[in-house]
N, C-alpha and C. Protein backbone atom coordinates (compact mmCIF):
# COMPACT_ATOMS: atom_id res chain seq x y z
N UNK A 1 -9.35 55.06 -40.15
CA UNK A 1 -10.02 54.41 -39.17
C UNK A 1 -9.69 55.45 -37.53
N UNK A 2 -10.87 55.49 -37.06
CA UNK A 2 -11.25 56.13 -35.21
C UNK A 2 -10.34 55.20 -34.66
N UNK A 3 -10.02 55.77 -33.85
CA UNK A 3 -9.69 55.04 -32.88
C UNK A 3 -10.60 54.90 -32.06
N UNK A 4 -11.47 54.08 -31.05
CA UNK A 4 -12.52 53.96 -30.61
C UNK A 4 -11.58 53.49 -28.85
N UNK A 5 -11.11 52.99 -28.89
CA UNK A 5 -10.57 54.15 -27.69
C UNK A 5 -10.34 55.16 -27.24
N UNK A 6 -9.46 55.84 -28.16
CA UNK A 6 -9.76 57.32 -27.50
C UNK A 6 -10.90 58.18 -27.48
N UNK A 7 -11.57 57.82 -28.97
CA UNK A 7 -12.85 58.21 -28.81
C UNK A 7 -13.77 58.13 -27.79
N UNK A 8 -13.50 56.88 -26.48
CA UNK A 8 -13.88 56.59 -25.70
C UNK A 8 -13.38 57.69 -24.56
N UNK A 9 -12.40 57.46 -24.26
CA UNK A 9 -11.45 58.52 -23.61
C UNK A 9 -12.35 60.51 -23.42
N UNK A 10 -12.55 60.30 -24.84
CA UNK A 10 -12.64 61.81 -24.83
C UNK A 10 -14.17 61.70 -24.56
N UNK A 11 -14.99 61.17 -25.13
CA UNK A 11 -16.22 60.96 -24.12
C UNK A 11 -16.58 61.28 -22.65
N UNK A 12 -15.61 59.87 -22.60
CA UNK A 12 -15.82 59.77 -20.61
C UNK A 12 -15.31 61.47 -20.38
N UNK A 13 -14.20 61.66 -20.83
CA UNK A 13 -13.47 63.10 -19.87
C UNK A 13 -14.64 64.45 -19.83
N UNK A 14 -15.34 64.23 -21.34
CA UNK A 14 -16.18 65.61 -21.17
C UNK A 14 -17.45 65.54 -20.73
N UNK A 15 -18.05 64.05 -20.42
CA UNK A 15 -18.88 63.93 -19.52
C UNK A 15 -18.82 64.26 -17.89
N UNK A 16 -17.15 64.02 -17.50
CA UNK A 16 -16.68 64.11 -16.86
C UNK A 16 -16.40 65.89 -15.95
N UNK A 17 -15.99 66.24 -17.57
CA UNK A 17 -16.18 67.94 -16.77
C UNK A 17 -17.69 68.44 -16.75
N UNK A 18 -19.00 68.03 -17.46
CA UNK A 18 -19.90 68.46 -17.26
C UNK A 18 -20.38 68.23 -16.84
N UNK A 19 -20.14 66.59 -15.26
CA UNK A 19 -20.77 66.55 -13.77
C UNK A 19 -20.32 67.89 -13.47
N UNK A 20 -18.84 67.93 -13.69
CA UNK A 20 -18.16 68.83 -12.04
C UNK A 20 -19.14 70.00 -12.83
N UNK A 21 -19.50 70.52 -13.88
CA UNK A 21 -19.39 72.24 -13.97
C UNK A 21 -21.31 72.53 -13.77
N UNK A 22 -21.68 71.12 -13.38
CA UNK A 22 -23.24 70.44 -13.25
C UNK A 22 -23.27 71.57 -11.40
N UNK A 23 -22.47 70.33 -11.34
CA UNK A 23 -21.88 70.44 -9.85
C UNK A 23 -21.90 71.62 -9.27
N UNK A 24 -20.47 72.93 -9.75
CA UNK A 24 -20.40 73.28 -9.14
C UNK A 24 -21.24 74.68 -9.13
N UNK A 25 -23.09 74.84 -10.19
CA UNK A 25 -23.44 75.31 -10.28
C UNK A 25 -24.27 76.26 -8.34
N UNK A 26 -23.24 75.14 -7.43
CA UNK A 26 -23.61 75.00 -6.42
C UNK A 26 -23.18 76.34 -5.30
N UNK A 27 -22.18 76.82 -6.06
CA UNK A 27 -21.21 77.69 -5.79
C UNK A 27 -21.91 79.55 -5.53
N UNK A 28 -23.46 79.32 -6.49
CA UNK A 28 -24.14 80.58 -6.83
C UNK A 28 -24.97 80.59 -5.40
N UNK A 29 -25.02 79.36 -4.52
CA UNK A 29 -25.47 79.31 -3.49
C UNK A 29 -24.48 79.63 -2.35
N UNK A 30 -23.18 78.64 -1.92
CA UNK A 30 -22.79 78.44 -1.21
C UNK A 30 -22.08 80.03 -0.69
N UNK A 31 -21.32 80.37 -1.90
CA UNK A 31 -20.63 82.10 -1.71
C UNK A 31 -21.43 83.41 -0.73
N UNK A 32 -22.47 83.64 -1.67
CA UNK A 32 -23.35 84.54 -0.37
C UNK A 32 -23.70 83.71 0.75
N UNK A 33 -24.00 82.50 0.92
CA UNK A 33 -23.72 82.01 2.29
C UNK A 33 -22.99 82.52 3.35
N UNK A 34 -21.82 82.01 2.38
CA UNK A 34 -20.49 82.00 3.78
C UNK A 34 -20.40 83.56 3.46
N UNK A 35 -20.71 84.38 2.31
CA UNK A 35 -20.20 86.10 2.53
C UNK A 35 -21.34 86.66 3.25
N UNK A 36 -22.67 86.37 3.59
CA UNK A 36 -23.08 86.63 4.66
C UNK A 36 -23.08 86.40 5.98
N UNK A 37 -22.32 85.27 6.58
CA UNK A 37 -22.08 85.48 7.26
C UNK A 37 -20.91 85.43 7.90
N UNK A 38 -19.96 85.52 7.18
CA UNK A 38 -18.13 86.31 7.81
C UNK A 38 -19.40 87.56 7.97
N UNK A 39 -19.62 88.69 7.22
CA UNK A 39 -19.86 90.14 7.77
C UNK A 39 -20.65 89.88 8.50
N UNK A 40 -21.78 89.59 9.21
CA UNK A 40 -21.46 89.15 10.51
C UNK A 40 -21.35 88.75 11.37
N UNK A 41 -20.59 87.62 11.36
CA UNK A 41 -19.41 87.14 12.53
C UNK A 41 -18.75 87.11 12.60
N UNK A 42 -18.18 87.30 14.34
CA UNK A 42 -16.99 87.94 14.51
C UNK A 42 -15.66 87.01 14.21
N UNK A 43 -16.16 85.51 13.67
CA UNK A 43 -15.09 84.74 13.73
C UNK A 43 -14.82 84.74 11.84
N UNK A 44 -14.44 85.29 11.52
CA UNK A 44 -14.57 85.04 10.42
C UNK A 44 -13.61 84.61 9.47
N UNK A 45 -12.62 83.75 9.90
CA UNK A 45 -11.46 82.44 9.08
C UNK A 45 -12.45 81.59 10.03
N UNK A 46 -12.71 80.92 10.75
CA UNK A 46 -13.16 79.92 11.15
C UNK A 46 -14.77 80.02 10.22
N UNK A 47 -15.74 80.75 9.52
CA UNK A 47 -16.66 80.65 8.53
C UNK A 47 -16.05 80.66 7.39
N UNK A 48 -14.43 81.18 6.85
CA UNK A 48 -14.29 81.38 5.64
C UNK A 48 -14.03 79.50 5.32
N UNK A 49 -13.25 78.56 6.42
CA UNK A 49 -13.06 77.63 5.72
C UNK A 49 -14.25 76.69 6.14
N UNK A 50 -15.35 77.07 7.04
CA UNK A 50 -16.39 75.84 6.86
C UNK A 50 -17.15 76.33 5.96
N UNK A 51 -16.85 77.55 5.01
CA UNK A 51 -17.63 77.26 3.74
C UNK A 51 -16.72 77.01 2.47
N UNK A 52 -15.38 77.17 2.63
CA UNK A 52 -14.78 76.46 1.91
C UNK A 52 -15.00 75.10 2.17
N UNK A 53 -14.92 74.35 3.18
CA UNK A 53 -15.36 72.59 3.69
C UNK A 53 -16.76 72.36 2.71
N UNK A 54 -17.67 73.35 2.78
CA UNK A 54 -18.85 72.76 2.98
C UNK A 54 -19.20 73.03 1.03
N UNK A 55 -18.38 74.34 0.53
CA UNK A 55 -18.45 73.92 -1.25
C UNK A 55 -17.79 73.02 -1.51
N UNK A 56 -16.78 72.74 -1.14
CA UNK A 56 -16.10 71.47 -1.38
C UNK A 56 -16.86 70.04 -1.26
N UNK A 57 -17.80 69.84 -0.22
CA UNK A 57 -18.83 68.56 0.02
C UNK A 57 -19.56 68.65 -0.80
N UNK A 58 -20.47 69.56 -0.89
CA UNK A 58 -21.16 70.51 -2.60
C UNK A 58 -21.31 69.89 -3.24
N UNK A 59 -19.91 70.02 -3.54
CA UNK A 59 -19.47 69.90 -5.68
C UNK A 59 -19.08 68.41 -5.63
N UNK A 60 -18.61 68.03 -4.49
CA UNK A 60 -18.20 66.40 -4.39
C UNK A 60 -19.66 65.46 -4.98
N UNK A 61 -20.63 65.84 -3.86
CA UNK A 61 -21.79 65.16 -3.52
C UNK A 61 -22.96 64.52 -5.11
N UNK A 62 -22.62 66.60 -5.33
CA UNK A 62 -23.49 66.32 -6.76
C UNK A 62 -22.57 66.08 -7.98
N UNK A 63 -21.37 66.10 -8.09
CA UNK A 63 -20.33 65.65 -8.60
C UNK A 63 -20.74 63.55 -9.04
N UNK A 64 -20.80 63.70 -7.87
CA UNK A 64 -20.45 62.02 -7.88
C UNK A 64 -21.69 61.13 -8.12
N UNK A 65 -23.23 61.66 -7.98
CA UNK A 65 -24.41 61.47 -8.97
C UNK A 65 -25.23 62.45 -8.99
N UNK A 66 -26.43 62.00 -9.10
CA UNK A 66 -28.16 62.96 -8.73
C UNK A 66 -28.48 62.13 -7.42
N UNK A 67 -28.49 61.58 -6.83
CA UNK A 67 -28.81 61.48 -5.67
C UNK A 67 -27.88 62.70 -4.85
N UNK A 68 -26.79 62.62 -4.55
CA UNK A 68 -25.75 63.09 -4.29
C UNK A 68 -26.55 64.95 -4.39
N UNK A 69 -26.57 65.59 -5.56
CA UNK A 69 -27.33 66.71 -5.63
C UNK A 69 -28.19 66.72 -4.90
N UNK A 70 -29.46 65.69 -5.24
CA UNK A 70 -30.08 65.47 -4.59
C UNK A 70 -30.40 66.21 -2.96
N UNK A 71 -29.11 65.41 -2.33
CA UNK A 71 -29.06 65.33 -0.56
C UNK A 71 -28.18 66.48 -0.78
N UNK A 72 -27.13 67.09 -1.14
CA UNK A 72 -26.87 68.71 -1.08
C UNK A 72 -27.57 69.87 -1.64
N UNK A 73 -28.34 69.98 -2.12
CA UNK A 73 -29.77 70.65 -2.53
C UNK A 73 -30.57 71.02 -0.99
N UNK A 74 -30.80 69.73 -0.57
CA UNK A 74 -31.59 69.97 -0.07
C UNK A 74 -30.98 70.53 1.75
N UNK A 75 -29.81 69.38 1.92
CA UNK A 75 -29.00 69.78 3.43
C UNK A 75 -28.94 71.58 2.97
N UNK A 76 -28.71 72.56 2.08
CA UNK A 76 -28.63 73.34 2.15
C UNK A 76 -29.66 74.24 2.50
N UNK A 77 -31.04 73.75 2.13
CA UNK A 77 -31.91 74.44 2.29
C UNK A 77 -32.04 74.43 3.60
N UNK A 78 -32.23 72.80 4.53
CA UNK A 78 -32.01 72.91 5.48
C UNK A 78 -31.32 73.19 6.36
N UNK A 79 -30.45 73.28 5.90
CA UNK A 79 -29.03 74.15 6.70
C UNK A 79 -29.09 75.66 7.40
N UNK A 80 -30.15 76.18 6.03
CA UNK A 80 -29.79 77.49 6.29
C UNK A 80 -31.38 77.42 7.53
N UNK A 81 -32.21 77.53 7.86
CA UNK A 81 -32.51 77.52 8.50
C UNK A 81 -32.38 78.11 10.21
N UNK A 82 -31.46 77.15 10.79
CA UNK A 82 -30.81 77.16 11.95
C UNK A 82 -29.66 77.84 11.51
N UNK A 83 -29.24 78.66 10.66
CA UNK A 83 -27.99 79.68 10.37
C UNK A 83 -28.31 80.67 9.88
N UNK A 84 -29.86 80.69 9.50
CA UNK A 84 -30.20 82.44 9.63
C UNK A 84 -30.17 82.55 10.99
N UNK A 85 -31.31 81.50 12.06
CA UNK A 85 -31.39 81.55 13.42
C UNK A 85 -29.66 82.33 14.56
N UNK A 86 -28.69 81.16 13.78
CA UNK A 86 -27.89 81.92 14.91
C UNK A 86 -27.35 83.19 14.06
N UNK A 87 -27.56 83.38 12.98
CA UNK A 87 -27.17 85.23 12.56
C UNK A 87 -28.10 85.79 13.06
N UNK A 88 -29.21 85.45 13.04
CA UNK A 88 -30.05 86.92 13.95
C UNK A 88 -29.52 86.53 15.67
N UNK A 89 -29.65 85.50 16.40
CA UNK A 89 -28.65 85.46 17.26
C UNK A 89 -27.81 86.40 17.69
N UNK A 90 -26.98 86.79 16.30
CA UNK A 90 -25.96 87.68 16.16
C UNK A 90 -26.09 88.87 16.57
N UNK A 91 -26.53 88.94 15.41
CA UNK A 91 -27.25 90.33 15.22
C UNK A 91 -27.82 91.01 16.54
N UNK A 92 -28.48 90.50 17.07
CA UNK A 92 -29.59 91.19 18.09
C UNK A 92 -28.69 90.43 19.72
N UNK A 93 -27.86 90.55 19.85
CA UNK A 93 -27.26 89.69 21.07
C UNK A 93 -27.02 90.74 21.92
N UNK A 94 -27.54 91.41 22.37
CA UNK A 94 -28.01 92.65 23.16
C UNK A 94 -29.71 92.06 23.69
N UNK A 95 -30.14 91.49 23.36
CA UNK A 95 -31.03 90.91 23.81
C UNK A 95 -30.70 89.75 24.23
N UNK A 96 -29.70 88.82 24.32
CA UNK A 96 -29.45 87.70 24.93
C UNK A 96 -28.03 87.51 25.72
N UNK A 97 -28.66 87.45 27.26
CA UNK A 97 -27.97 87.09 28.15
C UNK A 97 -27.00 86.38 28.24
N UNK A 98 -26.03 86.69 27.81
CA UNK A 98 -24.56 85.63 27.50
C UNK A 98 -24.47 84.94 29.06
N UNK A 99 -24.36 85.91 30.03
CA UNK A 99 -24.76 85.54 31.24
C UNK A 99 -25.00 84.44 32.25
N UNK A 100 -26.35 83.89 31.29
CA UNK A 100 -27.95 82.89 31.52
C UNK A 100 -27.03 82.29 30.94
N UNK A 101 -27.76 80.69 31.79
CA UNK A 101 -27.95 79.37 30.97
C UNK A 101 -28.46 79.37 30.18
N UNK A 102 -29.64 79.65 29.84
CA UNK A 102 -30.99 79.21 29.59
C UNK A 102 -31.17 81.03 28.82
N UNK A 103 -30.82 81.27 27.81
CA UNK A 103 -31.87 82.07 26.80
C UNK A 103 -33.16 82.16 26.20
N UNK A 104 -33.80 82.82 25.76
CA UNK A 104 -34.63 83.18 24.33
C UNK A 104 -34.19 82.42 23.07
N UNK A 105 -33.10 83.52 23.34
CA UNK A 105 -32.10 83.08 21.57
C UNK A 105 -31.28 81.89 21.60
N UNK A 106 -31.06 81.02 22.78
CA UNK A 106 -30.31 79.60 22.91
C UNK A 106 -31.16 78.71 22.53
N UNK A 107 -32.24 78.37 22.86
CA UNK A 107 -34.02 77.66 22.84
C UNK A 107 -33.91 78.04 21.22
N UNK A 108 -33.83 79.46 21.22
CA UNK A 108 -34.02 79.37 19.26
C UNK A 108 -33.63 78.44 18.40
N UNK A 109 -31.69 78.61 18.74
CA UNK A 109 -30.90 78.50 18.53
C UNK A 109 -31.36 76.35 17.76
N UNK A 110 -31.17 75.97 19.37
CA UNK A 110 -31.38 74.31 19.46
C UNK A 110 -32.83 74.22 19.14
N UNK A 111 -34.24 75.10 18.68
CA UNK A 111 -35.19 74.47 18.41
C UNK A 111 -35.30 74.66 17.31
N UNK A 112 -34.50 75.51 16.33
CA UNK A 112 -34.10 75.32 14.68
C UNK A 112 -33.02 74.19 14.42
N UNK A 113 -32.15 73.44 14.82
CA UNK A 113 -31.35 72.83 15.08
C UNK A 113 -32.23 71.85 15.09
N UNK A 114 -32.92 70.94 16.18
CA UNK A 114 -34.37 70.35 16.36
C UNK A 114 -34.51 70.05 14.69
N UNK A 115 -34.97 70.75 14.30
CA UNK A 115 -36.44 70.92 13.02
C UNK A 115 -35.84 70.88 12.16
N UNK A 116 -34.44 70.92 11.50
CA UNK A 116 -33.78 70.48 10.31
C UNK A 116 -32.90 68.91 10.36
N UNK A 117 -32.59 68.77 12.53
CA UNK A 117 -32.37 67.63 12.57
C UNK A 117 -33.61 66.20 11.67
N UNK A 118 -34.90 66.13 12.20
CA UNK A 118 -36.00 66.06 11.77
C UNK A 118 -36.87 66.11 10.22
N UNK A 119 -36.71 67.82 9.79
CA UNK A 119 -36.36 67.06 8.82
C UNK A 119 -36.05 66.21 7.47
N UNK A 120 -34.78 66.32 7.82
CA UNK A 120 -33.52 65.93 7.30
C UNK A 120 -33.74 64.19 7.02
N UNK A 121 -33.95 63.63 8.04
CA UNK A 121 -34.47 62.25 8.55
C UNK A 121 -35.72 61.92 7.96
N UNK A 122 -36.59 63.15 8.51
CA UNK A 122 -37.55 62.86 7.06
C UNK A 122 -37.65 62.43 5.51
N UNK A 123 -37.31 63.74 4.62
CA UNK A 123 -36.13 63.74 3.14
C UNK A 123 -35.87 62.52 3.54
N UNK A 124 -34.71 61.76 3.85
CA UNK A 124 -34.24 60.98 3.80
C UNK A 124 -34.75 59.35 3.63
N UNK A 125 -36.68 59.24 4.49
CA UNK A 125 -36.53 58.41 5.02
C UNK A 125 -37.84 58.05 3.52
N UNK A 126 -38.66 59.17 2.90
CA UNK A 126 -39.24 59.73 1.97
C UNK A 126 -38.52 59.11 0.22
N UNK A 127 -36.32 59.16 0.84
CA UNK A 127 -36.96 59.27 -0.59
C UNK A 127 -36.69 57.75 -1.61
N UNK A 128 -36.66 57.94 -2.84
CA UNK A 128 -36.98 56.31 -3.23
C UNK A 128 -35.38 56.04 -3.92
N UNK A 129 -34.09 57.13 -2.91
CA UNK A 129 -32.72 56.01 -3.27
C UNK A 129 -32.67 54.82 -2.83
N UNK A 130 -32.34 53.75 -2.86
CA UNK A 130 -31.89 52.31 -2.73
C UNK A 130 -30.94 52.85 -1.11
N UNK A 131 -29.92 53.31 -1.04
CA UNK A 131 -29.91 53.90 0.36
C UNK A 131 -30.09 55.04 1.40
N UNK A 132 -31.45 54.61 2.24
CA UNK A 132 -31.69 56.19 2.68
C UNK A 132 -30.97 56.31 3.26
N UNK A 133 -30.25 55.35 4.59
CA UNK A 133 -29.43 56.30 5.23
C UNK A 133 -27.79 56.77 4.52
N UNK A 134 -27.46 56.12 3.53
CA UNK A 134 -26.59 56.68 2.77
C UNK A 134 -27.05 58.51 2.27
N UNK A 135 -28.43 58.15 2.20
CA UNK A 135 -28.69 59.87 1.54
C UNK A 135 -28.96 60.71 2.64
N UNK A 136 -29.33 60.03 4.54
CA UNK A 136 -29.96 60.44 5.75
C UNK A 136 -27.91 61.76 6.00
N UNK A 137 -27.25 60.05 5.72
CA UNK A 137 -25.71 61.30 5.93
C UNK A 137 -25.53 62.49 4.67
N UNK A 138 -25.42 62.24 3.94
CA UNK A 138 -25.20 63.39 3.20
C UNK A 138 -26.02 64.70 3.49
N UNK A 139 -27.32 64.01 3.43
CA UNK A 139 -27.62 65.49 4.11
C UNK A 139 -27.95 66.01 4.98
N UNK A 140 -27.23 65.17 6.15
CA UNK A 140 -27.05 65.65 7.85
C UNK A 140 -25.29 66.26 7.20
N UNK A 141 -24.72 66.01 6.60
CA UNK A 141 -23.68 66.54 6.45
C UNK A 141 -23.10 68.04 5.83
N UNK A 142 -24.03 67.90 5.10
CA UNK A 142 -24.10 70.04 4.46
C UNK A 142 -25.35 70.83 5.08
N UNK A 143 -26.26 70.00 6.00
CA UNK A 143 -26.80 70.39 6.59
C UNK A 143 -25.73 71.49 7.46
N UNK A 144 -25.22 70.15 9.02
CA UNK A 144 -24.16 70.24 9.44
C UNK A 144 -23.46 71.51 9.30
N UNK A 145 -22.42 71.43 8.06
CA UNK A 145 -21.53 72.50 7.79
C UNK A 145 -22.33 74.18 7.69
N UNK A 146 -24.27 73.67 7.04
CA UNK A 146 -24.50 75.28 6.69
C UNK A 146 -24.61 75.85 7.75
N UNK A 147 -25.45 74.84 9.12
CA UNK A 147 -25.24 75.27 10.68
C UNK A 147 -24.24 75.92 11.27
N UNK A 148 -23.27 75.65 10.58
CA UNK A 148 -21.40 75.97 11.07
C UNK A 148 -21.81 77.20 11.11
N UNK A 149 -21.71 77.54 9.47
CA UNK A 149 -21.98 78.93 9.28
C UNK A 149 -22.90 80.46 9.62
N UNK A 150 -23.89 79.57 10.51
CA UNK A 150 -24.21 81.10 10.95
C UNK A 150 -23.82 80.69 12.83
N UNK A 151 -23.20 79.34 12.99
CA UNK A 151 -23.94 79.50 14.64
C UNK A 151 -21.98 79.60 15.79
N UNK A 152 -21.54 79.65 14.56
CA UNK A 152 -19.66 79.22 15.24
C UNK A 152 -19.12 80.47 15.60
N UNK A 153 -19.89 82.02 15.28
CA UNK A 153 -19.86 82.85 16.11
C UNK A 153 -20.79 83.43 16.85
N UNK A 154 -21.20 81.91 16.95
CA UNK A 154 -21.95 82.12 18.94
C UNK A 154 -20.83 81.10 19.72
N UNK A 155 -19.74 81.39 19.15
CA UNK A 155 -18.70 80.20 20.34
C UNK A 155 -19.01 78.63 19.84
N UNK A 156 -17.90 77.99 19.90
CA UNK A 156 -18.13 77.02 19.67
C UNK A 156 -18.76 76.23 20.29
N UNK A 157 -19.16 76.03 21.57
CA UNK A 157 -19.93 75.43 22.60
C UNK A 157 -21.15 75.40 21.85
N UNK A 158 -21.67 76.40 21.97
CA UNK A 158 -23.03 76.61 21.01
C UNK A 158 -23.33 76.38 19.85
N UNK A 159 -22.42 76.24 18.77
CA UNK A 159 -22.53 75.47 17.41
C UNK A 159 -22.25 74.06 17.84
N UNK A 160 -21.92 73.38 18.94
CA UNK A 160 -21.58 71.98 18.92
C UNK A 160 -22.95 72.05 19.53
N UNK A 161 -23.89 72.45 20.11
CA UNK A 161 -25.33 72.58 21.46
C UNK A 161 -26.06 72.46 19.59
N UNK A 162 -26.06 72.95 18.52
CA UNK A 162 -26.88 73.02 17.87
C UNK A 162 -27.12 72.23 16.86
N UNK A 163 -25.36 71.44 16.56
CA UNK A 163 -25.53 70.33 15.62
C UNK A 163 -26.12 69.05 16.43
N UNK A 164 -26.03 69.25 17.50
CA UNK A 164 -26.71 68.41 18.92
C UNK A 164 -27.88 67.93 18.37
N UNK A 165 -28.50 69.50 18.63
CA UNK A 165 -29.80 69.00 18.84
C UNK A 165 -30.31 68.46 17.04
N UNK A 166 -29.64 69.43 16.06
CA UNK A 166 -30.04 68.58 14.39
C UNK A 166 -29.93 66.59 15.11
N UNK A 167 -28.40 66.29 15.29
CA UNK A 167 -28.61 65.19 15.69
C UNK A 167 -29.84 64.47 16.70
N UNK A 168 -30.08 65.22 17.01
CA UNK A 168 -31.25 63.93 18.03
C UNK A 168 -32.32 64.21 17.35
N UNK A 169 -32.72 64.97 17.26
CA UNK A 169 -34.46 65.60 15.55
C UNK A 169 -33.82 64.54 15.40
N UNK A 170 -32.57 64.17 14.26
CA UNK A 170 -32.81 63.46 13.48
C UNK A 170 -32.63 62.11 13.66
N UNK A 171 -32.06 61.75 15.11
CA UNK A 171 -32.84 60.10 15.56
C UNK A 171 -33.83 59.97 16.12
N UNK A 172 -34.93 61.12 16.70
CA UNK A 172 -35.89 61.36 17.52
C UNK A 172 -36.85 60.96 15.82
N UNK A 173 -36.46 61.33 15.04
CA UNK A 173 -37.44 61.37 13.75
C UNK A 173 -37.38 60.31 12.94
N UNK A 174 -35.81 59.30 12.70
CA UNK A 174 -35.73 58.90 11.97
C UNK A 174 -35.99 57.01 12.36
N UNK A 175 -35.75 56.92 13.55
CA UNK A 175 -36.50 55.40 14.80
C UNK A 175 -37.68 54.66 14.82
N UNK A 176 -38.68 56.05 15.21
CA UNK A 176 -40.27 56.24 14.53
C UNK A 176 -40.66 55.33 13.00
N UNK A 177 -39.49 55.86 12.35
CA UNK A 177 -40.56 55.48 10.80
C UNK A 177 -39.71 54.87 10.51
N UNK A 178 -38.65 54.28 10.64
CA UNK A 178 -38.05 53.31 10.37
C UNK A 178 -38.67 51.40 10.73
N UNK A 179 -39.83 52.06 12.38
CA UNK A 179 -40.55 51.16 12.40
C UNK A 179 -42.04 50.99 11.49
N UNK A 180 -42.11 51.86 11.74
CA UNK A 180 -43.19 52.05 10.80
C UNK A 180 -42.95 51.37 9.28
N UNK A 181 -41.97 51.55 7.97
CA UNK A 181 -41.64 51.74 7.15
C UNK A 181 -40.67 49.83 7.21
C-alpha cells in the first residue's frame, strides 16, 4: 500500500522546486542588467551587491506567489527606465558639470524617478490583488533596486535623490487615486 503522507511530501517538494525554477527565470533579466551597470559604472562592488540583492528579492517574490512574480516583473520594467537614464548620465559625464547644483543630467534622472514612482502607483492601484498596498510595496522595492543599479554610479547622494523622487511620484499618484476609488 502507498504511504499517503510520504506521497504528499514528495508532491509538495516537487511543487516547491517547480515554483523556485519558475521564479529563477528572472535571472535572465537581472544578470544582464547587473552586468551592463557593472561595465558602465565606476562603483562595481556596490553594483554587484545591489544586483545580488535584486536577484534574491525578485526570486523570493516570484517563488511566494503569482502576485509577487507580476510585481517583480513590473518593478524590473519600471526601474529599468531610471536605471537607463542613470547609466546614460554616467556615459556622457562630460556633458554634465558636477560643480553645478542643478544639471540637465540631474533633472533627467529625477524626472525618470518621478515617472517610475507614478507608474508603480498607477499599476498597483489598478491591480485586482486583494492588497494593493502590498503590491505597491513589492513593485517599489524591485523598482528601487533596479534604479539603484544605474544611479549608484552617480554617487550615493544622486541615487538617494532619484529614489526620493520615485517615492514622491508614487505618493503623488497614490493619494488622489485612492480618493477616487
